[in-house]
Amino acid sequence: MTVIVLIAVAPGLRGHLTRWMIEVNAGVFVGKPSRRVRERLWELLADRVRDGQAVMIEPANNEQGWAVRTAGRDRWRPVDFDGLLLSARPRTPTSPTQTDTPQDSPRPRSRGNSTEQSFDRSE
Protein backbone atom coordinates (compact mmCIF):
# COMPACT_ATOMS: atom_id res chain seq x y z
CA MET A 1 0.00 0.00 0.00
CA THR A 2 1.13 3.52 -0.75
CA VAL A 3 0.14 6.70 1.10
CA ILE A 4 0.72 10.20 -0.28
CA VAL A 5 0.11 13.38 1.71
CA LEU A 6 -0.03 16.74 -0.06
CA ILE A 7 -0.01 20.09 1.75
CA ALA A 8 -0.61 23.46 0.07
CA VAL A 9 -0.40 22.23 -3.54
CA ALA A 10 -2.43 23.15 -6.60
CA PRO A 11 -5.90 21.53 -6.77
CA GLY A 12 -5.04 20.18 -10.22
CA LEU A 13 -2.23 18.12 -8.74
CA ARG A 14 -4.60 16.57 -6.21
CA GLY A 15 -7.06 15.87 -9.02
CA HIS A 16 -4.34 14.19 -11.05
CA LEU A 17 -3.58 11.78 -8.20
CA THR A 18 -7.21 10.64 -8.03
CA ARG A 19 -6.66 8.74 -11.28
CA TRP A 20 -4.59 6.13 -9.43
CA MET A 21 -5.40 6.57 -5.76
CA ILE A 22 -8.34 7.33 -3.47
CA GLU A 23 -8.40 10.62 -1.55
CA VAL A 24 -9.52 9.51 1.92
CA ASN A 25 -9.17 12.98 3.44
CA ALA A 26 -8.15 16.37 2.10
CA GLY A 27 -4.68 15.84 0.64
CA VAL A 28 -4.32 12.23 1.87
CA PHE A 29 -4.22 9.59 -0.87
CA VAL A 30 -4.17 5.81 -0.43
CA GLY A 31 -3.73 3.11 -3.06
CA LYS A 32 -1.71 0.23 -4.37
CA PRO A 33 -0.16 1.45 -7.63
CA SER A 34 2.57 -0.53 -9.36
CA ARG A 35 6.18 0.45 -8.78
CA ARG A 36 6.37 2.07 -12.20
CA VAL A 37 3.28 4.19 -11.55
CA ARG A 38 4.64 5.16 -8.10
CA GLU A 39 7.92 6.32 -9.67
CA ARG A 40 6.11 8.39 -12.28
CA LEU A 41 3.76 9.89 -9.70
CA TRP A 42 6.69 10.86 -7.50
CA GLU A 43 8.53 12.51 -10.40
CA LEU A 44 5.38 14.51 -11.14
CA LEU A 45 4.88 15.49 -7.49
CA ALA A 46 8.50 16.47 -6.89
CA ASP A 47 8.42 18.60 -10.04
CA ARG A 48 5.13 20.40 -9.35
CA VAL A 49 4.95 20.74 -5.55
CA ARG A 50 6.50 24.26 -5.63
CA ASP A 51 5.93 25.97 -2.25
CA GLY A 52 3.83 23.10 -0.87
CA GLN A 53 4.88 19.78 0.61
CA ALA A 54 4.57 16.17 -0.49
CA VAL A 55 5.24 12.98 1.48
CA MET A 56 5.05 9.46 0.07
CA ILE A 57 5.15 6.31 2.19
CA GLU A 58 5.74 3.21 0.09
CA PRO A 59 6.53 -0.47 0.63
CA ALA A 60 10.23 -1.28 1.03
CA ASN A 61 12.36 -4.32 1.73
CA ASN A 62 13.73 -3.12 5.08
CA GLU A 63 13.12 -3.82 8.75
CA GLN A 64 10.21 -1.39 8.99
CA GLY A 65 8.65 -2.57 5.73
CA TRP A 66 8.22 0.93 4.35
CA ALA A 67 10.19 3.93 3.09
CA VAL A 68 9.49 7.67 3.01
CA ARG A 69 10.12 10.30 0.35
CA THR A 70 9.60 14.02 0.86
CA ALA A 71 9.54 17.03 -1.46
CA GLY A 72 8.82 20.72 -1.09
CA ARG A 73 9.62 23.42 1.44
CA ASP A 74 10.00 23.21 5.21
CA ARG A 75 9.65 19.47 5.24
CA TRP A 76 10.68 16.87 7.76
CA ARG A 77 13.43 14.76 6.24
CA PRO A 78 13.70 11.00 6.68
CA VAL A 79 17.06 10.00 8.18
CA ASP A 80 18.40 6.44 8.31
CA PHE A 81 19.57 5.67 11.84
CA ASP A 82 21.01 2.15 12.06
CA GLY A 83 18.38 0.77 9.70
CA LEU A 84 15.43 2.67 11.18
CA LEU A 85 13.87 5.68 9.51
CA LEU A 86 13.52 8.68 11.79
CA SER A 87 12.24 12.15 10.93
CA ALA A 88 14.59 15.12 11.20
CA ARG A 89 12.89 18.41 11.93
CA PRO A 90 13.78 21.29 9.60
CA ARG A 91 16.01 23.92 11.16
CA THR A 92 14.27 27.12 12.07
CA PRO A 93 16.09 30.44 12.21
CA THR A 94 16.75 31.59 15.76
CA SER A 95 17.96 34.82 17.21
CA PRO A 96 21.74 35.29 17.57
CA THR A 97 21.43 35.36 21.36
CA GLN A 98 20.09 31.80 21.39
CA THR A 99 22.77 30.27 19.18
CA ASP A 100 25.90 32.32 19.76
CA THR A 101 27.97 31.42 22.81
CA PRO A 102 31.03 33.53 23.55
CA GLN A 103 34.22 31.48 23.38
CA ASP A 104 35.57 33.13 26.55
CA SER A 105 32.81 31.94 28.86
CA PRO A 106 33.08 28.30 29.93
CA ARG A 107 29.99 26.08 29.68
CA PRO A 108 29.09 23.83 32.60
CA ARG A 109 29.10 20.14 31.74
CA SER A 110 27.41 17.60 34.00
CA ARG A 111 28.93 14.19 34.75
CA GLY A 112 26.19 11.61 35.18
CA ASN A 113 24.45 11.69 38.57
CA SER A 114 27.21 13.70 40.25
CA THR A 115 26.30 17.08 41.68
CA GLU A 116 29.68 18.52 40.70
CA GLN A 117 30.07 20.49 37.49
CA SER A 118 33.19 20.78 35.40
CA PHE A 119 33.99 23.50 32.92
CA ASP A 120 35.21 22.47 29.50
CA ARG A 121 36.75 25.01 27.10
CA SER A 122 37.45 22.47 24.33
CA GLU A 123 34.02 22.83 22.72
C-alpha atoms as a PDB file:
ATOM      1  CA  MET A   1       0.000   0.000   0.000  1.00  0.00           C
ATOM      2  CA  THR A   2       1.134   3.525  -0.754  1.00  0.00           C
ATOM      3  CA  VAL A   3       0.141   6.696   1.100  1.00  0.00           C
ATOM      4  CA  ILE A   4       0.720  10.198  -0.275  1.00  0.00           C
ATOM      5  CA  VAL A   5       0.107  13.380   1.714  1.00  0.00           C
ATOM      6  CA  LEU A   6      -0.029  16.742  -0.057  1.00  0.00           C
ATOM      7  CA  ILE A   7      -0.014  20.087   1.747  1.00  0.00           C
ATOM      8  CA  ALA A   8      -0.609  23.463   0.068  1.00  0.00           C
ATOM      9  CA  VAL A   9      -0.402  22.226  -3.535  1.00  0.00           C
ATOM     10  CA  ALA A  10      -2.434  23.149  -6.602  1.00  0.00           C
ATOM     11  CA  PRO A  11      -5.896  21.533  -6.767  1.00  0.00           C
ATOM     12  CA  GLY A  12      -5.038  20.176 -10.223  1.00  0.00           C
ATOM     13  CA  LEU A  13      -2.226  18.125  -8.739  1.00  0.00           C
ATOM     14  CA  ARG A  14      -4.599  16.573  -6.209  1.00  0.00           C
ATOM     15  CA  GLY A  15      -7.057  15.874  -9.017  1.00  0.00           C
ATOM     16  CA  HIS A  16      -4.339  14.189 -11.051  1.00  0.00           C
ATOM     17  CA  LEU A  17      -3.576  11.783  -8.195  1.00  0.00           C
ATOM     18  CA  THR A  18      -7.214  10.642  -8.028  1.00  0.00           C
ATOM     19  CA  ARG A  19      -6.663   8.738 -11.283  1.00  0.00           C
ATOM     20  CA  TRP A  20      -4.588   6.127  -9.426  1.00  0.00           C
ATOM     21  CA  MET A  21      -5.398   6.571  -5.760  1.00  0.00           C
ATOM     22  CA  ILE A  22      -8.335   7.333  -3.466  1.00  0.00           C
ATOM     23  CA  GLU A  23      -8.400  10.625  -1.555  1.00  0.00           C
ATOM     24  CA  VAL A  24      -9.523   9.506   1.922  1.00  0.00           C
ATOM     25  CA  ASN A  25      -9.173  12.976   3.442  1.00  0.00           C
ATOM     26  CA  ALA A  26      -8.149  16.374   2.101  1.00  0.00           C
ATOM     27  CA  GLY A  27      -4.678  15.844   0.638  1.00  0.00           C
ATOM     28  CA  VAL A  28      -4.315  12.232   1.868  1.00  0.00           C
ATOM     29  CA  PHE A  29      -4.223   9.586  -0.868  1.00  0.00           C
ATOM     30  CA  VAL A  30      -4.165   5.808  -0.434  1.00  0.00           C
ATOM     31  CA  GLY A  31      -3.734   3.106  -3.057  1.00  0.00           C
ATOM     32  CA  LYS A  32      -1.711   0.231  -4.373  1.00  0.00           C
ATOM     33  CA  PRO A  33      -0.164   1.445  -7.635  1.00  0.00           C
ATOM     34  CA  SER A  34       2.568  -0.531  -9.359  1.00  0.00           C
ATOM     35  CA  ARG A  35       6.184   0.451  -8.779  1.00  0.00           C
ATOM     36  CA  ARG A  36       6.373   2.069 -12.203  1.00  0.00           C
ATOM     37  CA  VAL A  37       3.280   4.192 -11.549  1.00  0.00           C
ATOM     38  CA  ARG A  38       4.638   5.156  -8.095  1.00  0.00           C
ATOM     39  CA  GLU A  39       7.924   6.315  -9.665  1.00  0.00           C
ATOM     40  CA  ARG A  40       6.105   8.390 -12.278  1.00  0.00           C
ATOM     41  CA  LEU A  41       3.765   9.893  -9.700  1.00  0.00           C
ATOM     42  CA  TRP A  42       6.695  10.855  -7.496  1.00  0.00           C
ATOM     43  CA  GLU A  43       8.527  12.508 -10.402  1.00  0.00           C
ATOM     44  CA  LEU A  44       5.381  14.514 -11.139  1.00  0.00           C
ATOM     45  CA  LEU A  45       4.876  15.495  -7.488  1.00  0.00           C
ATOM     46  CA  ALA A  46       8.497  16.470  -6.892  1.00  0.00           C
ATOM     47  CA  ASP A  47       8.422  18.602 -10.043  1.00  0.00           C
ATOM     48  CA  ARG A  48       5.126  20.399  -9.348  1.00  0.00           C
ATOM     49  CA  VAL A  49       4.951  20.739  -5.554  1.00  0.00           C
ATOM     50  CA  ARG A  50       6.498  24.263  -5.628  1.00  0.00           C
ATOM     51  CA  ASP A  51       5.925  25.965  -2.248  1.00  0.00           C
ATOM     52  CA  GLY A  52       3.834  23.103  -0.867  1.00  0.00           C
ATOM     53  CA  GLN A  53       4.877  19.783   0.612  1.00  0.00           C
ATOM     54  CA  ALA A  54       4.575  16.165  -0.486  1.00  0.00           C
ATOM     55  CA  VAL A  55       5.241  12.979   1.478  1.00  0.00           C
ATOM     56  CA  MET A  56       5.051   9.464   0.070  1.00  0.00           C
ATOM     57  CA  ILE A  57       5.150   6.310   2.188  1.00  0.00           C
ATOM     58  CA  GLU A  58       5.736   3.211   0.093  1.00  0.00           C
ATOM     59  CA  PRO A  59       6.527  -0.469   0.628  1.00  0.00           C
ATOM     60  CA  ALA A  60      10.231  -1.285   1.025  1.00  0.00           C
ATOM     61  CA  ASN A  61      12.363  -4.315   1.731  1.00  0.00           C
ATOM     62  CA  ASN A  62      13.731  -3.120   5.080  1.00  0.00           C
ATOM     63  CA  GLU A  63      13.116  -3.817   8.751  1.00  0.00           C
ATOM     64  CA  GLN A  64      10.215  -1.387   8.988  1.00  0.00           C
ATOM     65  CA  GLY A  65       8.647  -2.569   5.734  1.00  0.00           C
ATOM     66  CA  TRP A  66       8.217   0.934   4.346  1.00  0.00           C
ATOM     67  CA  ALA A  67      10.187   3.932   3.088  1.00  0.00           C
ATOM     68  CA  VAL A  68       9.488   7.673   3.014  1.00  0.00           C
ATOM     69  CA  ARG A  69      10.119  10.299   0.352  1.00  0.00           C
ATOM     70  CA  THR A  70       9.601  14.024   0.858  1.00  0.00           C
ATOM     71  CA  ALA A  71       9.544  17.025  -1.464  1.00  0.00           C
ATOM     72  CA  GLY A  72       8.825  20.719  -1.094  1.00  0.00           C
ATOM     73  CA  ARG A  73       9.623  23.421   1.437  1.00  0.00           C
ATOM     74  CA  ASP A  74       9.997  23.214   5.215  1.00  0.00           C
ATOM     75  CA  ARG A  75       9.655  19.469   5.244  1.00  0.00           C
ATOM     76  CA  TRP A  76      10.685  16.868   7.765  1.00  0.00           C
ATOM     77  CA  ARG A  77      13.429  14.762   6.236  1.00  0.00           C
ATOM     78  CA  PRO A  78      13.703  11.004   6.678  1.00  0.00           C
ATOM     79  CA  VAL A  79      17.061  10.000   8.184  1.00  0.00           C
ATOM     80  CA  ASP A  80      18.395   6.444   8.309  1.00  0.00           C
ATOM     81  CA  PHE A  81      19.571   5.673  11.838  1.00  0.00           C
ATOM     82  CA  ASP A  82      21.012   2.153  12.055  1.00  0.00           C
ATOM     83  CA  GLY A  83      18.385   0.774   9.699  1.00  0.00           C
ATOM     84  CA  LEU A  84      15.425   2.665  11.178  1.00  0.00           C
ATOM     85  CA  LEU A  85      13.875   5.681   9.512  1.00  0.00           C
ATOM     86  CA  LEU A  86      13.522   8.683  11.788  1.00  0.00           C
ATOM     87  CA  SER A  87      12.239  12.155  10.933  1.00  0.00           C
ATOM     88  CA  ALA A  88      14.589  15.122  11.204  1.00  0.00           C
ATOM     89  CA  ARG A  89      12.891  18.413  11.932  1.00  0.00           C
ATOM     90  CA  PRO A  90      13.778  21.289   9.599  1.00  0.00           C
ATOM     91  CA  ARG A  91      16.006  23.915  11.158  1.00  0.00           C
ATOM     92  CA  THR A  92      14.274  27.124  12.069  1.00  0.00           C
ATOM     93  CA  PRO A  93      16.087  30.443  12.208  1.00  0.00           C
ATOM     94  CA  THR A  94      16.750  31.587  15.763  1.00  0.00           C
ATOM     95  CA  SER A  95      17.955  34.824  17.208  1.00  0.00           C
ATOM     96  CA  PRO A  96      21.739  35.288  17.569  1.00  0.00           C
ATOM     97  CA  THR A  97      21.433  35.361  21.362  1.00  0.00           C
ATOM     98  CA  GLN A  98      20.094  31.800  21.392  1.00  0.00           C
ATOM     99  CA  THR A  99      22.765  30.271  19.183  1.00  0.00           C
ATOM    100  CA  ASP A 100      25.905  32.319  19.763  1.00  0.00           C
ATOM    101  CA  THR A 101      27.971  31.423  22.814  1.00  0.00           C
ATOM    102  CA  PRO A 102      31.034  33.528  23.549  1.00  0.00           C
ATOM    103  CA  GLN A 103      34.221  31.477  23.382  1.00  0.00           C
ATOM    104  CA  ASP A 104      35.568  33.134  26.547  1.00  0.00           C
ATOM    105  CA  SER A 105      32.807  31.937  28.860  1.00  0.00           C
ATOM    106  CA  PRO A 106      33.082  28.302  29.930  1.00  0.00           C
ATOM    107  CA  ARG A 107      29.991  26.084  29.681  1.00  0.00           C
ATOM    108  CA  PRO A 108      29.090  23.834  32.599  1.00  0.00           C
ATOM    109  CA  ARG A 109      29.095  20.143  31.738  1.00  0.00           C
ATOM    110  CA  SER A 110      27.408  17.601  34.004  1.00  0.00           C
ATOM    111  CA  ARG A 111      28.926  14.192  34.748  1.00  0.00           C
ATOM    112  CA  GLY A 112      26.193  11.607  35.176  1.00  0.00           C
ATOM    113  CA  ASN A 113      24.446  11.693  38.571  1.00  0.00           C
ATOM    114  CA  SER A 114      27.207  13.701  40.247  1.00  0.00           C
ATOM    115  CA  THR A 115      26.297  17.080  41.685  1.00  0.00           C
ATOM    116  CA  GLU A 116      29.684  18.521  40.699  1.00  0.00           C
ATOM    117  CA  GLN A 117      30.071  20.487  37.494  1.00  0.00           C
ATOM    118  CA  SER A 118      33.186  20.777  35.397  1.00  0.00           C
ATOM    119  CA  PHE A 119      33.985  23.497  32.915  1.00  0.00           C
ATOM    120  CA  ASP A 120      35.212  22.470  29.496  1.00  0.00           C
ATOM    121  CA  ARG A 121      36.753  25.010  27.101  1.00  0.00           C
ATOM    122  CA  SER A 122      37.447  22.470  24.329  1.00  0.00           C
ATOM    123  CA  GLU A 123      34.024  22.825  22.721  1.00  0.00           C
END
